[in-house]
Amino acid sequence: MTMETNELRIDVPVKLARVKNVFSIASLSFEGDLPAALFHLKLLMDDVGAWNASAQVVAVFHTNAGHVTLHDQSYNSDRNIDTGNPYKGLLVNLIDRGARIELCGATAQAHGWTNADTLKGVQINTDAMARTTELVQQGFVMISES
C-alpha cells in the first residue's frame, strides 16, 4: 500500500539548454491580478536562469495588449486614467533579464503611438504578423497568449 503525500511530485522534469520562443500577445487574460502572458514570460525567464540556458525570448504585444508597452504618461492618456502603467516594472525586469519586448507597428499606428510613447527598451516592429512569421521561420517556437 502506497501512502500519498501532500507534496508536489514532478513527473516530467524539463531542463533545456537552449530556448527560442516568441510570444504573440494580442490581449490580456488574467491569473488573479496579473496578466497570464506576463506571468508566463516571467516563469520562462526564471526557468532559463535556473537552467543556465542560452535564450532568445521575444514578446510581441499587439492588438488589445499594445498599451502594456507604454510609459506612464502615454499609458494614462491612452487608458484615460492617472495611475500609470501597472505593468512597467514587470516589463523592465523582463528586458533587464534578456527578454526582447516589441510593439506591433500596425497597432502603434492605429493608436497614434510613436517610439517616444514606449518604455525604455521596447522596440517597434513592422507588424506582429510579419514579425512572428519571421521568427518562426528562424526556428522560434511560437506561444500565442490571449
N, C-alpha and C. Protein backbone atom coordinates (compact mmCIF):
# COMPACT_ATOMS: atom_id res chain seq x y z
N MET A 1 0.84 -1.17 0.00
CA MET A 1 0.00 0.00 0.00
C MET A 1 0.90 1.24 0.00
N THR A 2 0.62 2.17 -0.91
CA THR A 2 1.41 3.39 -1.05
C THR A 2 0.69 4.54 -0.37
N MET A 3 1.44 5.29 0.41
CA MET A 3 0.87 6.46 1.08
C MET A 3 1.06 7.68 0.16
N GLU A 4 0.00 8.41 -0.07
CA GLU A 4 0.07 9.64 -0.84
C GLU A 4 0.50 10.76 0.09
N THR A 5 1.33 11.66 -0.42
CA THR A 5 1.73 12.82 0.37
C THR A 5 1.09 14.06 -0.21
N ASN A 6 1.18 15.12 0.52
CA ASN A 6 0.64 16.39 0.05
C ASN A 6 1.68 17.21 -0.68
N GLU A 7 2.80 16.60 -1.04
CA GLU A 7 3.85 17.29 -1.75
C GLU A 7 3.68 17.13 -3.25
N LEU A 8 4.07 18.15 -3.98
CA LEU A 8 4.02 18.10 -5.44
C LEU A 8 5.18 17.26 -5.94
N ARG A 9 4.90 16.33 -6.83
CA ARG A 9 5.92 15.49 -7.47
C ARG A 9 5.93 15.84 -8.95
N ILE A 10 7.09 16.20 -9.45
CA ILE A 10 7.22 16.50 -10.88
C ILE A 10 7.45 15.17 -11.59
N ASP A 11 6.50 14.79 -12.43
CA ASP A 11 6.59 13.52 -13.15
C ASP A 11 7.35 13.65 -14.46
N VAL A 12 7.36 14.84 -15.03
CA VAL A 12 8.05 15.07 -16.30
C VAL A 12 8.97 16.27 -16.12
N PRO A 13 10.15 16.06 -15.57
CA PRO A 13 11.06 17.19 -15.38
C PRO A 13 11.60 17.68 -16.73
N VAL A 14 11.69 18.99 -16.86
CA VAL A 14 12.19 19.60 -18.09
C VAL A 14 13.34 20.52 -17.74
N LYS A 15 14.43 20.37 -18.47
CA LYS A 15 15.58 21.27 -18.36
C LYS A 15 16.14 21.43 -19.76
N LEU A 16 16.09 22.64 -20.27
CA LEU A 16 16.53 22.91 -21.63
C LEU A 16 17.87 23.63 -21.62
N ALA A 17 18.69 23.34 -22.60
CA ALA A 17 19.97 24.03 -22.75
C ALA A 17 19.80 25.29 -23.60
N ARG A 18 18.76 25.30 -24.44
CA ARG A 18 18.53 26.43 -25.35
C ARG A 18 17.04 26.70 -25.46
N VAL A 19 16.67 27.96 -25.42
CA VAL A 19 15.27 28.37 -25.53
C VAL A 19 15.17 29.42 -26.64
N LYS A 20 14.26 29.20 -27.57
CA LYS A 20 13.98 30.16 -28.65
C LYS A 20 12.47 30.27 -28.78
N ASN A 21 11.89 31.26 -28.08
CA ASN A 21 10.43 31.42 -28.08
C ASN A 21 10.03 32.81 -28.51
N VAL A 22 8.92 32.89 -29.20
CA VAL A 22 8.27 34.17 -29.47
C VAL A 22 6.85 34.07 -28.91
N PHE A 23 6.50 35.03 -28.09
CA PHE A 23 5.15 35.13 -27.54
C PHE A 23 4.38 36.13 -28.38
N SER A 24 3.23 35.73 -28.88
CA SER A 24 2.33 36.62 -29.59
C SER A 24 1.22 36.97 -28.61
N ILE A 25 1.20 38.24 -28.17
CA ILE A 25 0.27 38.66 -27.12
C ILE A 25 -0.69 39.70 -27.67
N ALA A 26 -1.92 39.24 -27.95
CA ALA A 26 -2.93 40.09 -28.57
C ALA A 26 -3.89 40.72 -27.57
N SER A 27 -4.08 40.09 -26.44
CA SER A 27 -4.97 40.63 -25.41
C SER A 27 -4.53 40.07 -24.07
N LEU A 28 -5.10 40.59 -23.01
CA LEU A 28 -4.69 40.19 -21.68
C LEU A 28 -5.74 39.32 -21.02
N SER A 29 -5.35 38.10 -20.69
CA SER A 29 -6.15 37.22 -19.84
C SER A 29 -5.46 37.24 -18.50
N PHE A 30 -6.23 37.21 -17.43
CA PHE A 30 -5.65 37.38 -16.11
C PHE A 30 -5.65 36.11 -15.29
N GLU A 31 -4.58 35.93 -14.53
CA GLU A 31 -4.48 34.94 -13.47
C GLU A 31 -4.43 35.77 -12.19
N GLY A 32 -5.56 35.88 -11.52
CA GLY A 32 -5.66 36.82 -10.41
C GLY A 32 -5.58 38.22 -10.98
N ASP A 33 -4.65 39.03 -10.47
CA ASP A 33 -4.49 40.40 -10.95
C ASP A 33 -3.38 40.56 -11.97
N LEU A 34 -2.73 39.46 -12.32
CA LEU A 34 -1.58 39.51 -13.21
C LEU A 34 -1.94 38.96 -14.59
N PRO A 35 -1.61 39.71 -15.66
CA PRO A 35 -1.84 39.15 -16.99
C PRO A 35 -1.07 37.84 -17.16
N ALA A 36 -1.76 36.82 -17.64
CA ALA A 36 -1.16 35.49 -17.79
C ALA A 36 0.09 35.55 -18.67
N ALA A 37 0.07 36.36 -19.72
CA ALA A 37 1.23 36.45 -20.61
C ALA A 37 2.47 36.92 -19.86
N LEU A 38 2.32 37.91 -19.00
CA LEU A 38 3.46 38.40 -18.23
C LEU A 38 3.91 37.37 -17.20
N PHE A 39 2.95 36.67 -16.59
CA PHE A 39 3.28 35.59 -15.66
C PHE A 39 4.08 34.51 -16.38
N HIS A 40 3.64 34.12 -17.59
CA HIS A 40 4.31 33.07 -18.33
C HIS A 40 5.70 33.51 -18.82
N LEU A 41 5.82 34.76 -19.23
CA LEU A 41 7.13 35.28 -19.62
C LEU A 41 8.09 35.25 -18.43
N LYS A 42 7.62 35.69 -17.26
CA LYS A 42 8.46 35.68 -16.07
C LYS A 42 8.84 34.25 -15.70
N LEU A 43 7.89 33.34 -15.76
CA LEU A 43 8.15 31.94 -15.45
C LEU A 43 9.23 31.36 -16.38
N LEU A 44 9.10 31.64 -17.68
CA LEU A 44 10.09 31.15 -18.63
C LEU A 44 11.47 31.74 -18.35
N MET A 45 11.52 33.05 -18.08
CA MET A 45 12.81 33.67 -17.80
C MET A 45 13.40 33.14 -16.49
N ASP A 46 12.55 32.81 -15.51
CA ASP A 46 13.03 32.17 -14.27
C ASP A 46 13.64 30.80 -14.59
N ASP A 47 12.95 30.03 -15.44
CA ASP A 47 13.46 28.71 -15.84
C ASP A 47 14.80 28.84 -16.56
N VAL A 48 14.87 29.77 -17.50
CA VAL A 48 16.11 29.99 -18.26
C VAL A 48 17.26 30.27 -17.30
N GLY A 49 17.01 31.11 -16.31
CA GLY A 49 18.05 31.41 -15.32
C GLY A 49 18.44 30.19 -14.50
N ALA A 50 17.45 29.42 -14.06
CA ALA A 50 17.72 28.22 -13.26
C ALA A 50 18.47 27.17 -14.06
N TRP A 51 18.16 27.07 -15.34
CA TRP A 51 18.81 26.08 -16.20
C TRP A 51 20.17 26.57 -16.71
N ASN A 52 20.44 27.86 -16.55
CA ASN A 52 21.62 28.47 -17.14
C ASN A 52 21.63 28.22 -18.65
N ALA A 53 20.45 28.36 -19.25
CA ALA A 53 20.27 28.08 -20.68
C ALA A 53 20.59 29.32 -21.51
N SER A 54 20.97 29.08 -22.76
CA SER A 54 21.05 30.19 -23.69
C SER A 54 19.62 30.46 -24.16
N ALA A 55 19.28 31.73 -24.28
CA ALA A 55 17.88 32.03 -24.58
C ALA A 55 17.72 33.22 -25.50
N GLN A 56 16.74 33.08 -26.37
CA GLN A 56 16.24 34.18 -27.18
C GLN A 56 14.73 34.15 -26.96
N VAL A 57 14.25 35.13 -26.22
CA VAL A 57 12.82 35.20 -25.91
C VAL A 57 12.33 36.56 -26.38
N VAL A 58 11.33 36.54 -27.26
CA VAL A 58 10.75 37.76 -27.82
C VAL A 58 9.26 37.77 -27.49
N ALA A 59 8.78 38.89 -26.97
CA ALA A 59 7.35 39.06 -26.72
C ALA A 59 6.85 40.18 -27.63
N VAL A 60 5.89 39.84 -28.49
CA VAL A 60 5.32 40.81 -29.42
C VAL A 60 3.92 41.17 -28.92
N PHE A 61 3.78 42.41 -28.44
CA PHE A 61 2.49 42.91 -27.97
C PHE A 61 1.78 43.60 -29.12
N HIS A 62 0.51 43.26 -29.31
CA HIS A 62 -0.25 43.83 -30.42
C HIS A 62 -1.73 43.85 -30.10
N THR A 63 -2.50 44.40 -31.00
CA THR A 63 -3.96 44.47 -30.92
C THR A 63 -4.38 45.08 -29.58
N ASN A 64 -5.08 44.34 -28.75
CA ASN A 64 -5.61 44.88 -27.49
C ASN A 64 -4.64 44.79 -26.31
N ALA A 65 -3.38 44.44 -26.56
CA ALA A 65 -2.39 44.37 -25.49
C ALA A 65 -1.24 45.35 -25.69
N GLY A 66 -1.27 46.12 -26.75
CA GLY A 66 -0.17 47.03 -27.05
C GLY A 66 0.10 48.06 -25.97
N HIS A 67 -0.95 48.48 -25.27
CA HIS A 67 -0.81 49.52 -24.24
C HIS A 67 0.14 49.12 -23.11
N VAL A 68 0.38 47.83 -22.94
CA VAL A 68 1.27 47.34 -21.89
C VAL A 68 2.68 47.90 -22.07
N THR A 69 3.06 48.24 -23.29
CA THR A 69 4.43 48.69 -23.58
C THR A 69 4.62 50.20 -23.39
N LEU A 70 3.58 50.92 -22.99
CA LEU A 70 3.65 52.38 -22.90
C LEU A 70 4.21 52.86 -21.57
N HIS A 71 4.92 54.00 -21.61
CA HIS A 71 5.36 54.62 -20.36
C HIS A 71 4.16 55.29 -19.69
N ASP A 72 4.33 55.69 -18.44
CA ASP A 72 3.21 56.16 -17.62
C ASP A 72 2.35 57.24 -18.28
N GLN A 73 2.97 58.28 -18.79
CA GLN A 73 2.21 59.40 -19.35
C GLN A 73 1.36 58.95 -20.54
N SER A 74 1.95 58.18 -21.46
CA SER A 74 1.20 57.70 -22.62
C SER A 74 0.16 56.67 -22.22
N TYR A 75 0.49 55.83 -21.24
CA TYR A 75 -0.46 54.84 -20.73
C TYR A 75 -1.67 55.56 -20.16
N ASN A 76 -1.42 56.57 -19.32
CA ASN A 76 -2.53 57.33 -18.72
C ASN A 76 -3.41 57.96 -19.79
N SER A 77 -2.80 58.55 -20.79
CA SER A 77 -3.55 59.19 -21.86
C SER A 77 -4.38 58.17 -22.64
N ASP A 78 -3.76 57.04 -22.96
CA ASP A 78 -4.45 56.01 -23.75
C ASP A 78 -5.58 55.35 -22.97
N ARG A 79 -5.35 55.11 -21.69
CA ARG A 79 -6.31 54.36 -20.87
C ARG A 79 -7.27 55.28 -20.10
N ASN A 80 -7.07 56.60 -20.24
CA ASN A 80 -7.90 57.60 -19.58
C ASN A 80 -7.91 57.41 -18.05
N ILE A 81 -6.70 57.27 -17.50
CA ILE A 81 -6.51 57.11 -16.06
C ILE A 81 -5.34 57.98 -15.63
N ASP A 82 -5.02 57.97 -14.36
CA ASP A 82 -3.87 58.74 -13.89
C ASP A 82 -2.99 57.95 -12.93
N THR A 83 -3.05 56.64 -13.00
CA THR A 83 -2.27 55.79 -12.08
C THR A 83 -0.98 55.27 -12.69
N GLY A 84 -0.74 55.48 -13.96
CA GLY A 84 0.47 54.98 -14.60
C GLY A 84 0.32 53.53 -15.05
N ASN A 85 1.32 53.06 -15.76
CA ASN A 85 1.32 51.71 -16.30
C ASN A 85 1.64 50.70 -15.18
N PRO A 86 0.65 49.88 -14.78
CA PRO A 86 0.90 48.94 -13.69
C PRO A 86 1.82 47.79 -14.07
N TYR A 87 2.13 47.65 -15.35
CA TYR A 87 2.94 46.53 -15.84
C TYR A 87 4.38 46.92 -16.12
N LYS A 88 4.71 48.20 -15.98
CA LYS A 88 6.04 48.67 -16.38
C LYS A 88 7.15 47.98 -15.61
N GLY A 89 6.98 47.76 -14.31
CA GLY A 89 8.02 47.10 -13.52
C GLY A 89 8.29 45.70 -14.02
N LEU A 90 7.23 44.97 -14.36
CA LEU A 90 7.39 43.61 -14.89
C LEU A 90 8.11 43.63 -16.23
N LEU A 91 7.72 44.55 -17.12
CA LEU A 91 8.35 44.61 -18.44
C LEU A 91 9.82 45.02 -18.33
N VAL A 92 10.11 46.01 -17.51
CA VAL A 92 11.50 46.45 -17.34
C VAL A 92 12.34 45.30 -16.79
N ASN A 93 11.80 44.56 -15.83
CA ASN A 93 12.51 43.41 -15.27
C ASN A 93 12.78 42.36 -16.34
N LEU A 94 11.79 42.08 -17.19
CA LEU A 94 11.97 41.10 -18.27
C LEU A 94 13.04 41.56 -19.26
N ILE A 95 13.01 42.85 -19.61
CA ILE A 95 14.01 43.41 -20.52
C ILE A 95 15.40 43.29 -19.89
N ASP A 96 15.50 43.65 -18.61
CA ASP A 96 16.79 43.57 -17.91
C ASP A 96 17.32 42.15 -17.85
N ARG A 97 16.43 41.16 -17.88
CA ARG A 97 16.84 39.76 -17.81
C ARG A 97 17.05 39.14 -19.19
N GLY A 98 16.92 39.95 -20.25
CA GLY A 98 17.27 39.47 -21.58
C GLY A 98 16.11 39.21 -22.52
N ALA A 99 14.88 39.39 -22.06
CA ALA A 99 13.74 39.23 -22.98
C ALA A 99 13.67 40.45 -23.88
N ARG A 100 13.29 40.22 -25.11
CA ARG A 100 13.11 41.32 -26.06
C ARG A 100 11.62 41.62 -26.11
N ILE A 101 11.25 42.88 -25.84
CA ILE A 101 9.86 43.29 -25.83
C ILE A 101 9.63 44.17 -27.05
N GLU A 102 8.63 43.79 -27.86
CA GLU A 102 8.34 44.52 -29.09
C GLU A 102 6.87 44.91 -29.13
N LEU A 103 6.62 46.04 -29.76
CA LEU A 103 5.26 46.53 -30.01
C LEU A 103 5.01 46.47 -31.51
N CYS A 104 3.87 45.97 -31.88
CA CYS A 104 3.46 45.90 -33.29
C CYS A 104 3.32 47.31 -33.85
N GLY A 105 3.99 47.55 -34.97
CA GLY A 105 3.91 48.86 -35.62
C GLY A 105 2.52 49.21 -36.10
N ALA A 106 1.77 48.22 -36.57
CA ALA A 106 0.40 48.49 -37.02
C ALA A 106 -0.49 48.89 -35.84
N THR A 107 -0.29 48.25 -34.70
CA THR A 107 -1.05 48.62 -33.50
C THR A 107 -0.67 50.03 -33.07
N ALA A 108 0.62 50.34 -33.09
CA ALA A 108 1.08 51.68 -32.72
C ALA A 108 0.45 52.73 -33.64
N GLN A 109 0.46 52.47 -34.95
CA GLN A 109 -0.12 53.41 -35.90
C GLN A 109 -1.61 53.60 -35.65
N ALA A 110 -2.32 52.52 -35.39
CA ALA A 110 -3.77 52.60 -35.16
C ALA A 110 -4.10 53.46 -33.94
N HIS A 111 -3.19 53.48 -32.96
CA HIS A 111 -3.43 54.26 -31.74
C HIS A 111 -2.74 55.62 -31.75
N GLY A 112 -1.93 55.88 -32.77
CA GLY A 112 -1.21 57.15 -32.83
C GLY A 112 0.00 57.20 -31.91
N TRP A 113 0.54 56.03 -31.54
CA TRP A 113 1.71 55.97 -30.67
C TRP A 113 2.97 56.06 -31.51
N THR A 114 4.02 56.60 -30.91
CA THR A 114 5.35 56.63 -31.54
C THR A 114 6.34 55.95 -30.61
N ASN A 115 7.57 55.86 -31.03
CA ASN A 115 8.62 55.26 -30.20
C ASN A 115 8.75 56.00 -28.86
N ALA A 116 8.50 57.30 -28.88
CA ALA A 116 8.61 58.11 -27.68
C ALA A 116 7.55 57.76 -26.63
N ASP A 117 6.52 57.03 -27.01
CA ASP A 117 5.46 56.65 -26.08
C ASP A 117 5.76 55.37 -25.31
N THR A 118 6.79 54.64 -25.73
CA THR A 118 7.03 53.32 -25.13
C THR A 118 8.04 53.38 -23.98
N LEU A 119 8.02 52.33 -23.18
CA LEU A 119 9.00 52.16 -22.13
C LEU A 119 10.39 52.01 -22.74
N LYS A 120 11.41 52.41 -22.01
CA LYS A 120 12.79 52.25 -22.48
C LYS A 120 13.07 50.77 -22.73
N GLY A 121 13.62 50.48 -23.88
CA GLY A 121 13.97 49.11 -24.22
C GLY A 121 12.95 48.42 -25.11
N VAL A 122 11.74 48.97 -25.23
CA VAL A 122 10.73 48.40 -26.12
C VAL A 122 11.06 48.80 -27.55
N GLN A 123 10.99 47.83 -28.46
CA GLN A 123 11.25 48.12 -29.86
C GLN A 123 9.96 47.93 -30.66
N ILE A 124 9.82 48.70 -31.72
CA ILE A 124 8.63 48.62 -32.56
C ILE A 124 8.99 47.89 -33.85
N ASN A 125 8.20 46.86 -34.18
CA ASN A 125 8.43 46.11 -35.42
C ASN A 125 7.43 46.55 -36.49
N THR A 126 7.60 46.02 -37.69
CA THR A 126 6.72 46.38 -38.80
C THR A 126 5.27 46.08 -38.46
N ASP A 127 4.99 44.85 -38.13
CA ASP A 127 3.69 44.44 -37.62
C ASP A 127 3.83 43.05 -37.01
N ALA A 128 2.90 42.72 -36.12
CA ALA A 128 3.01 41.48 -35.33
C ALA A 128 3.00 40.23 -36.20
N MET A 129 2.17 40.21 -37.23
CA MET A 129 2.07 39.00 -38.05
C MET A 129 3.35 38.75 -38.83
N ALA A 130 3.91 39.81 -39.41
CA ALA A 130 5.16 39.65 -40.15
C ALA A 130 6.29 39.25 -39.21
N ARG A 131 6.34 39.86 -38.02
CA ARG A 131 7.43 39.58 -37.08
C ARG A 131 7.35 38.15 -36.54
N THR A 132 6.17 37.69 -36.15
CA THR A 132 6.07 36.33 -35.63
C THR A 132 6.36 35.32 -36.73
N THR A 133 5.93 35.61 -37.94
CA THR A 133 6.24 34.73 -39.08
C THR A 133 7.75 34.66 -39.29
N GLU A 134 8.41 35.81 -39.27
CA GLU A 134 9.86 35.85 -39.44
C GLU A 134 10.56 35.00 -38.37
N LEU A 135 10.15 35.18 -37.12
CA LEU A 135 10.81 34.45 -36.03
C LEU A 135 10.54 32.95 -36.10
N VAL A 136 9.32 32.56 -36.45
CA VAL A 136 9.01 31.13 -36.60
C VAL A 136 9.87 30.53 -37.71
N GLN A 137 10.03 31.27 -38.81
CA GLN A 137 10.87 30.78 -39.90
C GLN A 137 12.34 30.68 -39.48
N GLN A 138 12.73 31.42 -38.45
CA GLN A 138 14.10 31.35 -37.92
C GLN A 138 14.24 30.28 -36.85
N GLY A 139 13.18 29.51 -36.62
CA GLY A 139 13.26 28.41 -35.66
C GLY A 139 12.73 28.70 -34.27
N PHE A 140 12.09 29.85 -34.07
CA PHE A 140 11.49 30.15 -32.78
C PHE A 140 10.20 29.36 -32.62
N VAL A 141 9.91 28.94 -31.41
CA VAL A 141 8.64 28.30 -31.09
C VAL A 141 7.67 29.40 -30.72
N MET A 142 6.50 29.44 -31.38
CA MET A 142 5.52 30.49 -31.10
C MET A 142 4.57 30.05 -29.99
N ILE A 143 4.42 30.93 -29.01
CA ILE A 143 3.45 30.76 -27.95
C ILE A 143 2.44 31.88 -28.10
N SER A 144 1.18 31.52 -28.30
CA SER A 144 0.14 32.52 -28.50
C SER A 144 -0.56 32.76 -27.18
N GLU A 145 -0.53 34.01 -26.74
CA GLU A 145 -1.17 34.41 -25.49
C GLU A 145 -2.32 35.36 -25.82
N SER A 146 -3.46 35.05 -25.30
CA SER A 146 -4.59 35.97 -25.48
C SER A 146 -5.48 35.91 -24.27
